Protein backbone atom coordinates (compact mmCIF):
# COMPACT_ATOMS: atom_id res chain seq x y z
CA MET A 1 132.70 31.68 34.21
CA SER A 2 129.68 29.46 34.69
CA THR A 3 126.15 29.60 36.03
CA TYR A 4 125.73 28.24 39.55
CA SER A 5 125.80 24.47 39.80
CA VAL A 6 126.73 22.36 42.77
CA PRO A 7 128.16 18.81 42.94
CA GLU A 8 126.38 16.00 44.76
CA GLY A 9 127.91 16.79 48.14
CA TYR A 10 130.25 19.12 49.94
CA ASP A 11 132.60 18.04 52.73
CA SER A 12 133.04 20.70 55.43
CA SER A 13 134.83 19.78 58.68
CA ASN A 14 134.22 16.08 57.92
CA ARG A 15 130.47 16.67 57.59
CA LEU A 16 128.86 15.89 54.26
CA ILE A 17 126.21 18.31 53.08
CA PRO A 18 124.30 16.24 50.52
CA ALA A 19 122.69 17.76 47.47
CA VAL A 20 123.28 21.44 48.18
CA ASP A 21 120.91 22.26 45.32
CA SER A 22 118.05 20.80 47.36
CA LEU A 23 119.05 22.80 50.44
CA VAL A 24 119.29 26.14 48.69
CA SER A 25 116.21 26.26 46.50
CA LEU A 26 115.98 28.68 43.60
CA ASP A 27 112.52 29.81 44.64
CA ARG A 28 112.14 32.78 47.03
CA ARG A 29 111.28 31.04 50.30
CA HIS A 30 112.86 32.50 53.43
CA VAL A 31 115.56 30.17 54.74
CA ARG A 32 114.92 30.71 58.42
CA ASP A 33 111.14 30.41 58.09
CA ASP A 34 110.76 27.32 55.89
CA PRO A 35 111.25 23.96 57.62
CA LEU A 36 111.84 22.26 54.28
CA ILE A 37 115.21 23.99 53.85
CA VAL A 38 116.25 24.55 57.44
CA SER A 39 119.25 22.28 56.74
CA SER A 40 120.79 25.13 54.74
CA ASP A 41 121.90 26.52 58.13
CA ARG A 42 124.80 24.09 57.81
CA ILE A 43 125.94 25.99 54.75
CA MET A 44 125.85 29.28 56.64
CA THR A 45 127.86 27.91 59.56
CA ALA A 46 130.52 26.22 57.42
CA VAL A 47 132.49 29.49 57.30
CA PRO A 48 132.00 32.94 58.91
CA VAL A 49 129.92 35.20 56.67
CA SER A 50 129.92 39.01 56.84
CA VAL A 51 127.05 40.89 55.19
CA VAL A 52 127.73 44.49 54.12
CA VAL A 53 124.72 46.75 53.60
CA PRO A 54 125.31 50.36 52.46
CA ALA A 55 122.43 52.62 53.46
CA MET A 56 121.42 56.26 53.38
CA ASN A 57 118.01 57.28 54.73
CA GLU A 58 116.57 53.76 54.64
CA GLU A 59 114.73 53.74 57.98
CA LEU A 60 111.52 52.38 56.44
CA ASN A 61 113.22 49.57 54.52
CA LEU A 62 115.74 48.18 57.00
CA PRO A 63 113.25 46.34 59.25
CA HIS A 64 112.06 44.31 56.25
CA VAL A 65 115.60 43.63 55.01
CA PHE A 66 116.94 42.60 58.41
CA ALA A 67 113.90 40.39 59.11
CA ALA A 68 114.77 38.27 56.06
CA MET A 69 118.46 38.01 57.01
CA PRO A 70 119.70 34.46 57.80
CA ARG A 71 120.23 34.21 61.55
CA ASP A 72 123.52 32.35 61.21
CA ILE A 73 125.64 35.05 59.59
CA ALA A 74 128.77 35.94 61.57
CA GLU A 75 128.26 39.69 61.34
CA LEU A 76 126.01 42.31 59.80
CA ILE A 77 127.68 45.59 58.84
CA LEU A 78 125.59 48.64 58.03
CA VAL A 79 127.60 51.35 56.29
CA ASP A 80 125.76 54.58 56.96
CA GLY A 81 126.02 57.28 54.29
CA HIS A 82 125.47 60.19 56.69
CA SER A 83 121.73 59.53 56.97
CA THR A 84 119.49 62.35 58.18
CA ASP A 85 116.69 60.02 59.30
CA ALA A 86 116.61 57.24 61.91
CA THR A 87 118.49 54.68 59.78
CA VAL A 88 121.11 53.95 62.44
CA ASP A 89 118.63 53.68 65.31
CA VAL A 90 116.32 51.45 63.28
CA ALA A 91 119.25 49.22 62.31
CA ARG A 92 120.21 48.74 65.97
CA ALA A 93 116.62 48.04 66.95
CA SER A 94 116.16 45.54 64.12
CA TRP A 95 119.48 43.73 64.64
CA PRO A 96 121.06 44.58 68.05
CA GLU A 97 124.46 43.09 67.12
CA VAL A 98 124.78 45.15 63.93
CA ARG A 99 128.10 46.93 63.37
CA ILE A 100 127.60 50.53 62.28
CA ILE A 101 130.31 51.99 60.06
CA GLN A 102 130.23 55.62 58.95
CA GLN A 103 131.48 55.86 55.39
CA SER A 104 134.52 58.06 54.87
CA GLY A 105 133.25 59.76 51.72
CA LYS A 106 130.18 59.79 49.53
CA GLY A 107 128.50 57.35 47.17
CA LYS A 108 127.81 53.63 47.02
CA GLY A 109 131.30 52.70 45.87
CA ASN A 110 132.93 54.39 48.84
CA ALA A 111 130.38 52.89 51.24
CA LEU A 112 131.05 49.36 50.00
CA SER A 113 134.81 49.83 50.23
CA CYS A 114 134.46 50.97 53.84
CA GLY A 115 132.32 47.94 54.63
CA PHE A 116 134.63 45.49 52.87
CA MET A 117 137.67 46.77 54.75
CA ALA A 118 135.81 46.44 58.07
CA ALA A 119 134.52 42.91 57.42
CA LYS A 120 136.00 40.07 59.47
CA GLY A 121 134.26 37.04 57.96
CA ASP A 122 135.95 34.71 55.49
CA ILE A 123 133.07 35.35 53.07
CA VAL A 124 131.72 38.83 52.34
CA VAL A 125 128.23 39.40 50.91
CA MET A 126 127.09 42.75 49.52
CA LEU A 127 123.41 43.60 49.16
CA ASP A 128 121.16 46.66 49.08
CA ALA A 129 119.20 48.25 51.92
CA ASP A 130 116.09 49.14 49.92
CA GLY A 131 114.50 45.69 49.91
CA SER A 132 115.23 44.97 46.25
CA THR A 133 117.74 42.21 47.04
CA ASP A 134 116.47 39.31 49.12
CA PRO A 135 118.73 38.26 52.04
CA SER A 136 117.17 34.80 52.03
CA GLU A 137 119.14 34.15 48.83
CA ILE A 138 122.46 34.47 50.70
CA PRO A 139 122.88 30.68 51.24
CA ARG A 140 122.95 30.03 47.50
CA PHE A 141 125.78 32.57 47.10
CA VAL A 142 127.67 30.97 49.99
CA ALA A 143 127.09 27.50 48.51
CA ALA A 144 128.65 28.64 45.21
CA LEU A 145 131.75 29.84 47.08
CA ILE A 146 132.27 26.84 49.31
CA THR A 147 132.00 24.54 46.31
CA GLY A 148 134.84 26.18 44.42
CA ALA A 149 134.09 29.72 43.24
CA ASP A 150 136.15 32.74 44.28
CA PHE A 151 133.40 35.23 43.44
CA ALA A 152 129.65 34.55 43.31
CA LYS A 153 128.15 37.12 40.97
CA GLY A 154 124.42 37.72 41.14
CA THR A 155 122.50 37.91 37.89
CA ARG A 156 118.90 38.73 37.03
CA PHE A 157 119.12 37.44 33.48
CA VAL A 158 119.50 33.65 33.67
CA THR A 159 117.00 30.93 34.56
CA GLY A 160 115.98 31.32 38.19
CA GLY A 161 116.68 35.06 38.21
CA GLY A 162 114.52 38.03 37.30
CA SER A 163 113.48 41.58 38.12
CA SER A 164 110.25 43.39 38.78
CA ASP A 165 112.11 46.67 39.19
CA ILE A 166 114.33 47.22 36.15
CA THR A 167 113.01 49.60 33.49
CA GLY A 168 113.28 49.06 29.76
CA THR A 169 115.94 51.80 29.52
CA ARG A 170 118.05 50.27 32.27
CA ARG A 171 117.67 46.77 30.81
CA LEU A 172 118.83 47.97 27.39
CA GLY A 173 121.72 49.91 28.89
CA ASN A 174 122.82 46.92 30.95
CA ARG A 175 122.72 44.68 27.89
CA VAL A 176 124.80 47.10 25.81
CA LEU A 177 127.35 47.71 28.57
CA SER A 178 127.57 43.99 29.38
CA GLY A 179 128.23 43.26 25.71
CA LEU A 180 130.94 45.90 25.61
CA VAL A 181 132.74 44.49 28.66
CA ASN A 182 132.36 40.94 27.35
CA SER A 183 133.94 41.88 24.05
CA LEU A 184 136.80 43.88 25.58
CA TRP A 185 137.75 41.39 28.30
CA ASN A 186 136.58 38.11 26.77
CA THR A 187 134.05 37.47 29.52
CA ASN A 188 130.50 36.12 29.39
CA TYR A 189 128.67 38.25 31.95
CA SER A 190 124.89 38.14 31.68
CA ASP A 191 124.42 41.05 34.12
CA LEU A 192 127.02 43.78 34.55
CA CYS A 193 125.30 46.22 36.88
CA TYR A 194 123.72 44.16 39.65
CA GLY A 195 124.69 44.82 43.26
CA TYR A 196 124.13 41.40 44.86
CA ASN A 197 127.46 39.56 45.06
CA ALA A 198 129.60 37.51 47.43
CA PHE A 199 133.29 36.67 47.55
CA TRP A 200 136.06 35.26 49.70
CA ARG A 201 137.63 38.09 51.69
CA ARG A 202 141.10 36.95 50.61
CA CYS A 203 140.17 38.08 47.06
CA LEU A 204 139.59 41.69 48.13
CA PRO A 205 142.99 43.05 46.97
CA GLU A 206 142.18 42.01 43.41
CA ILE A 207 138.62 43.34 43.22
CA LEU A 208 138.46 46.36 45.54
CA ALA A 209 136.91 49.20 43.54
CA ASP A 210 138.39 52.66 44.03
CA CYS A 211 135.32 54.59 42.91
CA SER A 212 132.48 56.43 44.58
CA GLY A 213 129.28 55.84 42.65
CA PHE A 214 126.98 53.24 41.12
CA GLU A 215 129.73 52.21 38.71
CA VAL A 216 131.18 50.10 41.54
CA GLU A 217 129.72 46.79 40.33
CA THR A 218 131.05 47.36 36.82
CA LEU A 219 134.52 48.17 38.11
CA MET A 220 134.55 45.09 40.33
CA ASN A 221 133.49 42.92 37.40
CA ILE A 222 136.25 44.32 35.20
CA ARG A 223 138.81 43.78 37.95
CA LEU A 224 137.55 40.20 38.15
CA ALA A 225 138.03 39.79 34.42
CA ARG A 226 141.63 40.96 34.75
CA SER A 227 142.31 38.51 37.57
CA ASN A 228 142.63 34.75 37.67
CA LEU A 229 139.70 34.38 40.04
CA ARG A 230 136.94 31.85 39.33
CA VAL A 231 133.61 33.62 38.84
CA VAL A 232 130.25 31.83 39.07
CA GLU A 233 126.96 33.52 38.22
CA VAL A 234 124.15 32.96 40.73
CA PRO A 235 120.49 33.54 39.75
CA SER A 236 118.84 36.26 41.82
CA PHE A 237 115.50 38.05 41.79
CA GLU A 238 115.41 41.84 42.09
CA ALA A 239 112.21 43.14 43.68
CA ASN A 240 110.86 46.68 43.69
CA ARG A 241 112.24 49.13 46.23
CA LEU A 242 109.92 48.97 49.24
CA HIS A 243 109.84 52.64 50.25
CA GLY A 244 111.35 55.89 49.02
CA ALA A 245 113.03 56.85 45.77
CA SER A 246 116.26 55.46 44.34
CA ASN A 247 119.32 57.67 43.87
CA LEU A 248 120.10 55.79 40.66
CA ARG A 249 119.74 57.86 37.46
CA ALA A 250 119.89 55.72 34.33
CA ILE A 251 121.52 58.22 31.92
CA ARG A 252 123.87 59.88 34.41
CA ASP A 253 125.04 56.63 35.98
CA GLY A 254 125.17 54.87 32.63
CA MET A 255 127.67 57.48 31.45
CA ARG A 256 129.71 56.94 34.62
CA VAL A 257 129.80 53.23 33.84
CA LEU A 258 130.88 53.93 30.27
CA ARG A 259 133.69 56.22 31.45
CA THR A 260 134.79 53.55 33.92
CA ILE A 261 134.98 50.95 31.14
CA ALA A 262 137.08 53.32 29.00
CA ALA A 263 139.42 54.17 31.87
CA GLU A 264 139.95 50.52 32.77
CA ARG A 265 140.61 49.62 29.14
CA ILE A 266 143.57 52.00 28.92
CA ARG A 267 144.85 51.36 32.45
CA PRO A 268 148.13 49.42 32.46
CA GLN A 269 147.87 45.81 33.58
């Protein structure tokens, strides 16, 4: 596994995209709003991209999230977790072509699985609905994939990444759990529990997580470690949730992650 780096050019349909690093800047400018990096649209149109956003009662956050979404994605899938507010209506108003999927069960893991199975694009991107993950970073994940990676794994803990949201307890827990997974599966993950990732849809059988809760990212990362897929870490910045309260509980969900690690360790290959 390596941190995101891109060669001098990428040939897609006989068109050379020079210096992808210069097209997908590591600062937090919005792709569709900044004329200096408007050429990154060529990255987004090289292959069809599906964006999967699980959401439950996120009516106040979705307009901000969808406004930052690159216009050239092939499809936007909102997986609704049985919201009791106007999440679905707001999603349709903010992005009229959005596909609404009702999740079959409960929890983030189930919601993501439902979205992944419904996705039609060659590349699938997963991000949060609360405004903490910036959709304008999507082109850098796509660039990592089209230049050779199978899975582009977001990380807050390398140069170019960061977080204004993570607490000291969560940071410590992530570090300990990352170290445990790295030692058990001989990986070098810098961030185990971050929910901003992208992958080729053909890889789904090897990474699909059969879980319901916030342990989903950990389980996907372990499945990756047990596969032969090429993983590249992509720097990402996690902002504060815009509105409302998170359903994440550090101790409770940390224990779920720990149980998931133990279960995967004893699971037959």
